[in-house]
Amino acid sequence: MIVINRVQAFRKQQKMTQEELANQVDVSRKTIVSLEKGNYTPSLLLALQIAEVLETDIHTIFQLGKE
């Protein structure tokens, strides 16, 4: 199983930069870049924080998928 995320789409919809999102959830911009590229699976806490900042439900941004 893999985690599919739509962070980039929701971030852009909010007209937010990677740096702005990173600052709001207290991680580096590199973490957001890795997350958006699918190279990093966030902790539950980080996923919840991202969903809150992007003003949507966690299930809308993060979904389980098959490889």
PDB file of N, CA and C in Angstrom:
ATOM      1  N   MET A   1       0.837  -1.184   0.000  1.00  0.00           N
ATOM      2  CA  MET A   1       0.000   0.000   0.000  1.00  0.00           C
ATOM      3  C   MET A   1       0.887   1.254   0.000  1.00  0.00           C
ATOM      4  N   ILE A   2       0.405   2.260  -0.664  1.00  0.00           N
ATOM      5  CA  ILE A   2       1.096   3.545  -0.694  1.00  0.00           C
ATOM      6  C   ILE A   2       0.116   4.638  -0.264  1.00  0.00           C
ATOM      7  N   VAL A   3       0.658   5.747   0.146  1.00  0.00           N
ATOM      8  CA  VAL A   3      -0.163   6.903   0.493  1.00  0.00           C
ATOM      9  C   VAL A   3      -0.160   7.853  -0.695  1.00  0.00           C
ATOM     10  N   ILE A   4      -1.338   8.115  -1.213  1.00  0.00           N
ATOM     11  CA  ILE A   4      -1.502   9.080  -2.298  1.00  0.00           C
ATOM     12  C   ILE A   4      -1.881  10.399  -1.644  1.00  0.00           C
ATOM     13  N   ASN A   5      -1.199  11.467  -2.048  1.00  0.00           N
ATOM     14  CA  ASN A   5      -1.547  12.745  -1.456  1.00  0.00           C
ATOM     15  C   ASN A   5      -1.814  13.789  -2.523  1.00  0.00           C
ATOM     16  N   ARG A   6      -2.656  14.728  -2.167  1.00  0.00           N
ATOM     17  CA  ARG A   6      -3.023  15.821  -3.060  1.00  0.00           C
ATOM     18  C   ARG A   6      -2.642  17.159  -2.428  1.00  0.00           C
ATOM     19  N   VAL A   7      -1.559  17.145  -1.679  1.00  0.00           N
ATOM     20  CA  VAL A   7      -1.101  18.347  -0.981  1.00  0.00           C
ATOM     21  C   VAL A   7      -0.843  19.480  -1.962  1.00  0.00           C
ATOM     22  N   GLN A   8      -0.119  19.200  -3.030  1.00  0.00           N
ATOM     23  CA  GLN A   8       0.237  20.250  -3.981  1.00  0.00           C
ATOM     24  C   GLN A   8      -1.010  20.909  -4.574  1.00  0.00           C
ATOM     25  N   ALA A   9      -1.982  20.111  -4.958  1.00  0.00           N
ATOM     26  CA  ALA A   9      -3.203  20.660  -5.560  1.00  0.00           C
ATOM     27  C   ALA A   9      -3.937  21.566  -4.576  1.00  0.00           C
ATOM     28  N   PHE A  10      -4.072  21.122  -3.340  1.00  0.00           N
ATOM     29  CA  PHE A  10      -4.779  21.929  -2.341  1.00  0.00           C
ATOM     30  C   PHE A  10      -3.980  23.159  -1.941  1.00  0.00           C
ATOM     31  N   ARG A  11      -2.648  23.012  -1.881  1.00  0.00           N
ATOM     32  CA  ARG A  11      -1.797  24.159  -1.547  1.00  0.00           C
ATOM     33  C   ARG A  11      -1.929  25.231  -2.612  1.00  0.00           C
ATOM     34  N   LYS A  12      -1.890  24.830  -3.860  1.00  0.00           N
ATOM     35  CA  LYS A  12      -2.013  25.793  -4.956  1.00  0.00           C
ATOM     36  C   LYS A  12      -3.409  26.418  -4.994  1.00  0.00           C
ATOM     37  N   GLN A  13      -4.417  25.631  -4.664  1.00  0.00           N
ATOM     38  CA  GLN A  13      -5.782  26.147  -4.606  1.00  0.00           C
ATOM     39  C   GLN A  13      -5.895  27.263  -3.560  1.00  0.00           C
ATOM     40  N   GLN A  14      -5.128  27.140  -2.493  1.00  0.00           N
ATOM     41  CA  GLN A  14      -5.106  28.152  -1.429  1.00  0.00           C
ATOM     42  C   GLN A  14      -4.137  29.296  -1.755  1.00  0.00           C
ATOM     43  N   LYS A  15      -3.496  29.208  -2.938  1.00  0.00           N
ATOM     44  CA  LYS A  15      -2.496  30.206  -3.355  1.00  0.00           C
ATOM     45  C   LYS A  15      -1.382  30.355  -2.307  1.00  0.00           C
ATOM     46  N   MET A  16      -0.888  29.210  -1.872  1.00  0.00           N
ATOM     47  CA  MET A  16       0.119  29.151  -0.827  1.00  0.00           C
ATOM     48  C   MET A  16       1.400  28.563  -1.409  1.00  0.00           C
ATOM     49  N   THR A  17       2.539  29.113  -1.029  1.00  0.00           N
ATOM     50  CA  THR A  17       3.817  28.565  -1.468  1.00  0.00           C
ATOM     51  C   THR A  17       4.203  27.382  -0.580  1.00  0.00           C
ATOM     52  N   GLN A  18       5.171  26.616  -1.063  1.00  0.00           N
ATOM     53  CA  GLN A  18       5.684  25.512  -0.252  1.00  0.00           C
ATOM     54  C   GLN A  18       6.275  26.048   1.047  1.00  0.00           C
ATOM     55  N   GLU A  19       6.957  27.159   0.942  1.00  0.00           N
ATOM     56  CA  GLU A  19       7.580  27.777   2.127  1.00  0.00           C
ATOM     57  C   GLU A  19       6.521  28.191   3.149  1.00  0.00           C
ATOM     58  N   GLU A  20       5.440  28.783   2.686  1.00  0.00           N
ATOM     59  CA  GLU A  20       4.373  29.213   3.594  1.00  0.00           C
ATOM     60  C   GLU A  20       3.737  28.017   4.304  1.00  0.00           C
ATOM     61  N   LEU A  21       3.464  26.963   3.557  1.00  0.00           N
ATOM     62  CA  LEU A  21       2.895  25.758   4.173  1.00  0.00           C
ATOM     63  C   LEU A  21       3.871  25.166   5.181  1.00  0.00           C
ATOM     64  N   ALA A  22       5.123  25.079   4.785  1.00  0.00           N
ATOM     65  CA  ALA A  22       6.146  24.534   5.684  1.00  0.00           C
ATOM     66  C   ALA A  22       6.213  25.320   6.993  1.00  0.00           C
ATOM     67  N   ASN A  23       6.198  26.633   6.895  1.00  0.00           N
ATOM     68  CA  ASN A  23       6.248  27.466   8.099  1.00  0.00           C
ATOM     69  C   ASN A  23       5.037  27.248   8.998  1.00  0.00           C
ATOM     70  N   GLN A  24       3.878  27.084   8.396  1.00  0.00           N
ATOM     71  CA  GLN A  24       2.656  26.928   9.190  1.00  0.00           C
ATOM     72  C   GLN A  24       2.574  25.582   9.900  1.00  0.00           C
ATOM     73  N   VAL A  25       3.224  24.565   9.353  1.00  0.00           N
ATOM     74  CA  VAL A  25       3.196  23.247  10.001  1.00  0.00           C
ATOM     75  C   VAL A  25       4.539  22.907  10.658  1.00  0.00           C
ATOM     76  N   ASP A  26       5.441  23.878  10.669  1.00  0.00           N
ATOM     77  CA  ASP A  26       6.720  23.772  11.381  1.00  0.00           C
ATOM     78  C   ASP A  26       7.618  22.646  10.857  1.00  0.00           C
ATOM     79  N   VAL A  27       7.768  22.604   9.522  1.00  0.00           N
ATOM     80  CA  VAL A  27       8.724  21.696   8.887  1.00  0.00           C
ATOM     81  C   VAL A  27       9.521  22.496   7.859  1.00  0.00           C
ATOM     82  N   SER A  28      10.517  21.878   7.259  1.00  0.00           N
ATOM     83  CA  SER A  28      11.298  22.569   6.234  1.00  0.00           C
ATOM     84  C   SER A  28      10.569  22.534   4.890  1.00  0.00           C
ATOM     85  N   ARG A  29      10.937  23.437   4.008  1.00  0.00           N
ATOM     86  CA  ARG A  29      10.367  23.436   2.659  1.00  0.00           C
ATOM     87  C   ARG A  29      10.716  22.128   1.950  1.00  0.00           C
ATOM     88  N   LYS A  30      11.908  21.588   2.231  1.00  0.00           N
ATOM     89  CA  LYS A  30      12.329  20.322   1.629  1.00  0.00           C
ATOM     90  C   LYS A  30      11.377  19.180   2.003  1.00  0.00           C
ATOM     91  N   THR A  31      10.844  19.227   3.206  1.00  0.00           N
ATOM     92  CA  THR A  31       9.886  18.214   3.629  1.00  0.00           C
ATOM     93  C   THR A  31       8.624  18.295   2.783  1.00  0.00           C
ATOM     94  N   ILE A  32       8.155  19.507   2.532  1.00  0.00           N
ATOM     95  CA  ILE A  32       6.963  19.696   1.701  1.00  0.00           C
ATOM     96  C   ILE A  32       7.247  19.242   0.264  1.00  0.00           C
ATOM     97  N   VAL A  33       8.423  19.572  -0.260  1.00  0.00           N
ATOM     98  CA  VAL A  33       8.804  19.140  -1.606  1.00  0.00           C
ATOM     99  C   VAL A  33       8.790  17.612  -1.679  1.00  0.00           C
ATOM    100  N   SER A  34       9.409  16.950  -0.717  1.00  0.00           N
ATOM    101  CA  SER A  34       9.456  15.481  -0.695  1.00  0.00           C
ATOM    102  C   SER A  34       8.062  14.884  -0.579  1.00  0.00           C
ATOM    103  N   LEU A  35       7.242  15.501   0.233  1.00  0.00           N
ATOM    104  CA  LEU A  35       5.867  15.039   0.410  1.00  0.00           C
ATOM    105  C   LEU A  35       5.085  15.141  -0.898  1.00  0.00           C
ATOM    106  N   GLU A  36       5.192  16.292  -1.556  1.00  0.00           N
ATOM    107  CA  GLU A  36       4.466  16.497  -2.807  1.00  0.00           C
ATOM    108  C   GLU A  36       4.947  15.579  -3.928  1.00  0.00           C
ATOM    109  N   LYS A  37       6.210  15.208  -3.900  1.00  0.00           N
ATOM    110  CA  LYS A  37       6.757  14.290  -4.907  1.00  0.00           C
ATOM    111  C   LYS A  37       6.451  12.826  -4.587  1.00  0.00           C
ATOM    112  N   GLY A  38       5.897  12.575  -3.426  1.00  0.00           N
ATOM    113  CA  GLY A  38       5.581  11.205  -3.033  1.00  0.00           C
ATOM    114  C   GLY A  38       6.752  10.451  -2.446  1.00  0.00           C
ATOM    115  N   ASN A  39       7.814  11.178  -2.073  1.00  0.00           N
ATOM    116  CA  ASN A  39       9.002  10.545  -1.509  1.00  0.00           C
ATOM    117  C   ASN A  39       8.976  10.478   0.015  1.00  0.00           C
ATOM    118  N   TYR A  40       7.937  11.028   0.623  1.00  0.00           N
ATOM    119  CA  TYR A  40       7.860  11.113   2.081  1.00  0.00           C
ATOM    120  C   TYR A  40       6.417  10.897   2.502  1.00  0.00           C
ATOM    121  N   THR A  41       6.217  10.029   3.460  1.00  0.00           N
ATOM    122  CA  THR A  41       4.893   9.810   4.037  1.00  0.00           C
ATOM    123  C   THR A  41       4.868  10.497   5.398  1.00  0.00           C
ATOM    124  N   PRO A  42       3.954  11.453   5.581  1.00  0.00           N
ATOM    125  CA  PRO A  42       3.953  12.219   6.824  1.00  0.00           C
ATOM    126  C   PRO A  42       3.419  11.412   8.007  1.00  0.00           C
ATOM    127  N   SER A  43       3.799  11.842   9.186  1.00  0.00           N
ATOM    128  CA  SER A  43       3.218  11.266  10.396  1.00  0.00           C
ATOM    129  C   SER A  43       1.748  11.671  10.447  1.00  0.00           C
ATOM    130  N   LEU A  44       1.005  11.013  11.283  1.00  0.00           N
ATOM    131  CA  LEU A  44      -0.415  11.354  11.442  1.00  0.00           C
ATOM    132  C   LEU A  44      -0.565  12.798  11.908  1.00  0.00           C
ATOM    133  N   LEU A  45       0.271  13.216  12.837  1.00  0.00           N
ATOM    134  CA  LEU A  45       0.209  14.582  13.342  1.00  0.00           C
ATOM    135  C   LEU A  45       0.445  15.592  12.231  1.00  0.00           C
ATOM    136  N   LEU A  46       1.470  15.374  11.420  1.00  0.00           N
ATOM    137  CA  LEU A  46       1.762  16.295  10.324  1.00  0.00           C
ATOM    138  C   LEU A  46       0.634  16.288   9.293  1.00  0.00           C
ATOM    139  N   ALA A  47       0.104  15.127   8.981  1.00  0.00           N
ATOM    140  CA  ALA A  47      -1.001  15.044   8.019  1.00  0.00           C
ATOM    141  C   ALA A  47      -2.216  15.829   8.525  1.00  0.00           C
ATOM    142  N   LEU A  48      -2.517  15.711   9.800  1.00  0.00           N
ATOM    143  CA  LEU A  48      -3.640  16.457  10.387  1.00  0.00           C
ATOM    144  C   LEU A  48      -3.387  17.954  10.350  1.00  0.00           C
ATOM    145  N   GLN A  49      -2.160  18.362  10.642  1.00  0.00           N
ATOM    146  CA  GLN A  49      -1.815  19.784  10.601  1.00  0.00           C
ATOM    147  C   GLN A  49      -1.949  20.336   9.185  1.00  0.00           C
ATOM    148  N   ILE A  50      -1.474  19.595   8.209  1.00  0.00           N
ATOM    149  CA  ILE A  50      -1.564  20.031   6.811  1.00  0.00           C
ATOM    150  C   ILE A  50      -3.026  20.167   6.403  1.00  0.00           C
ATOM    151  N   ALA A  51      -3.840  19.188   6.741  1.00  0.00           N
ATOM    152  CA  ALA A  51      -5.263  19.244   6.402  1.00  0.00           C
ATOM    153  C   ALA A  51      -5.922  20.467   7.036  1.00  0.00           C
ATOM    154  N   GLU A  52      -5.575  20.758   8.263  1.00  0.00           N
ATOM    155  CA  GLU A  52      -6.147  21.920   8.948  1.00  0.00           C
ATOM    156  C   GLU A  52      -5.735  23.224   8.272  1.00  0.00           C
ATOM    157  N   VAL A  53      -4.451  23.352   7.961  1.00  0.00           N
ATOM    158  CA  VAL A  53      -3.953  24.569   7.301  1.00  0.00           C
ATOM    159  C   VAL A  53      -4.589  24.734   5.922  1.00  0.00           C
ATOM    160  N   LEU A  54      -4.764  23.629   5.202  1.00  0.00           N
ATOM    161  CA  LEU A  54      -5.335  23.685   3.861  1.00  0.00           C
ATOM    162  C   LEU A  54      -6.869  23.671   3.875  1.00  0.00           C
ATOM    163  N   GLU A  55      -7.425  23.710   5.078  1.00  0.00           N
ATOM    164  CA  GLU A  55      -8.865  23.854   5.283  1.00  0.00           C
ATOM    165  C   GLU A  55      -9.685  22.768   4.597  1.00  0.00           C
ATOM    166  N   THR A  56      -9.255  21.530   4.801  1.00  0.00           N
ATOM    167  CA  THR A  56     -10.001  20.403   4.247  1.00  0.00           C
ATOM    168  C   THR A  56      -9.843  19.197   5.166  1.00  0.00           C
ATOM    169  N   ASP A  57     -10.528  18.144   4.843  1.00  0.00           N
ATOM    170  CA  ASP A  57     -10.496  16.915   5.619  1.00  0.00           C
ATOM    171  C   ASP A  57      -9.262  16.096   5.254  1.00  0.00           C
ATOM    172  N   ILE A  58      -8.699  15.435   6.218  1.00  0.00           N
ATOM    173  CA  ILE A  58      -7.490  14.643   5.988  1.00  0.00           C
ATOM    174  C   ILE A  58      -7.713  13.569   4.920  1.00  0.00           C
ATOM    175  N   HIS A  59      -8.913  12.990   4.880  1.00  0.00           N
ATOM    176  CA  HIS A  59      -9.208  11.942   3.897  1.00  0.00           C
ATOM    177  C   HIS A  59      -9.279  12.488   2.474  1.00  0.00           C
ATOM    178  N   THR A  60      -9.492  13.766   2.338  1.00  0.00           N
ATOM    179  CA  THR A  60      -9.544  14.386   1.023  1.00  0.00           C
ATOM    180  C   THR A  60      -8.141  14.558   0.454  1.00  0.00           C
ATOM    181  N   ILE A  61      -7.181  14.814   1.321  1.00  0.00           N
ATOM    182  CA  ILE A  61      -5.800  15.037   0.882  1.00  0.00           C
ATOM    183  C   ILE A  61      -5.004  13.736   0.815  1.00  0.00           C
ATOM    184  N   PHE A  62      -5.166  12.888   1.800  1.00  0.00           N
ATOM    185  CA  PHE A  62      -4.375  11.657   1.882  1.00  0.00           C
ATOM    186  C   PHE A  62      -5.282  10.436   1.722  1.00  0.00           C
ATOM    187  N   GLN A  63      -4.887   9.533   0.818  1.00  0.00           N
ATOM    188  CA  GLN A  63      -5.656   8.323   0.581  1.00  0.00           C
ATOM    189  C   GLN A  63      -4.717   7.136   0.422  1.00  0.00           C
ATOM    190  N   LEU A  64      -5.198   5.960   0.770  1.00  0.00           N
ATOM    191  CA  LEU A  64      -4.415   4.747   0.555  1.00  0.00           C
ATOM    192  C   LEU A  64      -4.609   4.271  -0.877  1.00  0.00           C
ATOM    193  N   GLY A  65      -3.519   3.836  -1.481  1.00  0.00           N
ATOM    194  CA  GLY A  65      -3.584   3.326  -2.846  1.00  0.00           C
ATOM    195  C   GLY A  65      -2.761   2.076  -2.969  1.00  0.00           C
ATOM    196  N   LYS A  66      -2.950   1.380  -4.061  1.00  0.00           N
ATOM    197  CA  LYS A  66      -2.167   0.162  -4.322  1.00  0.00           C
ATOM    198  C   LYS A  66      -1.010   0.502  -5.233  1.00  0.00           C
ATOM    199  N   GLU A  67       0.115  -0.154  -5.025  1.00  0.00           N
ATOM    200  CA  GLU A  67       1.292   0.104  -5.857  1.00  0.00           C
ATOM    201  C   GLU A  67       1.119  -0.415  -7.249  1.00  0.00           C
TER     202      GLU A  67
END
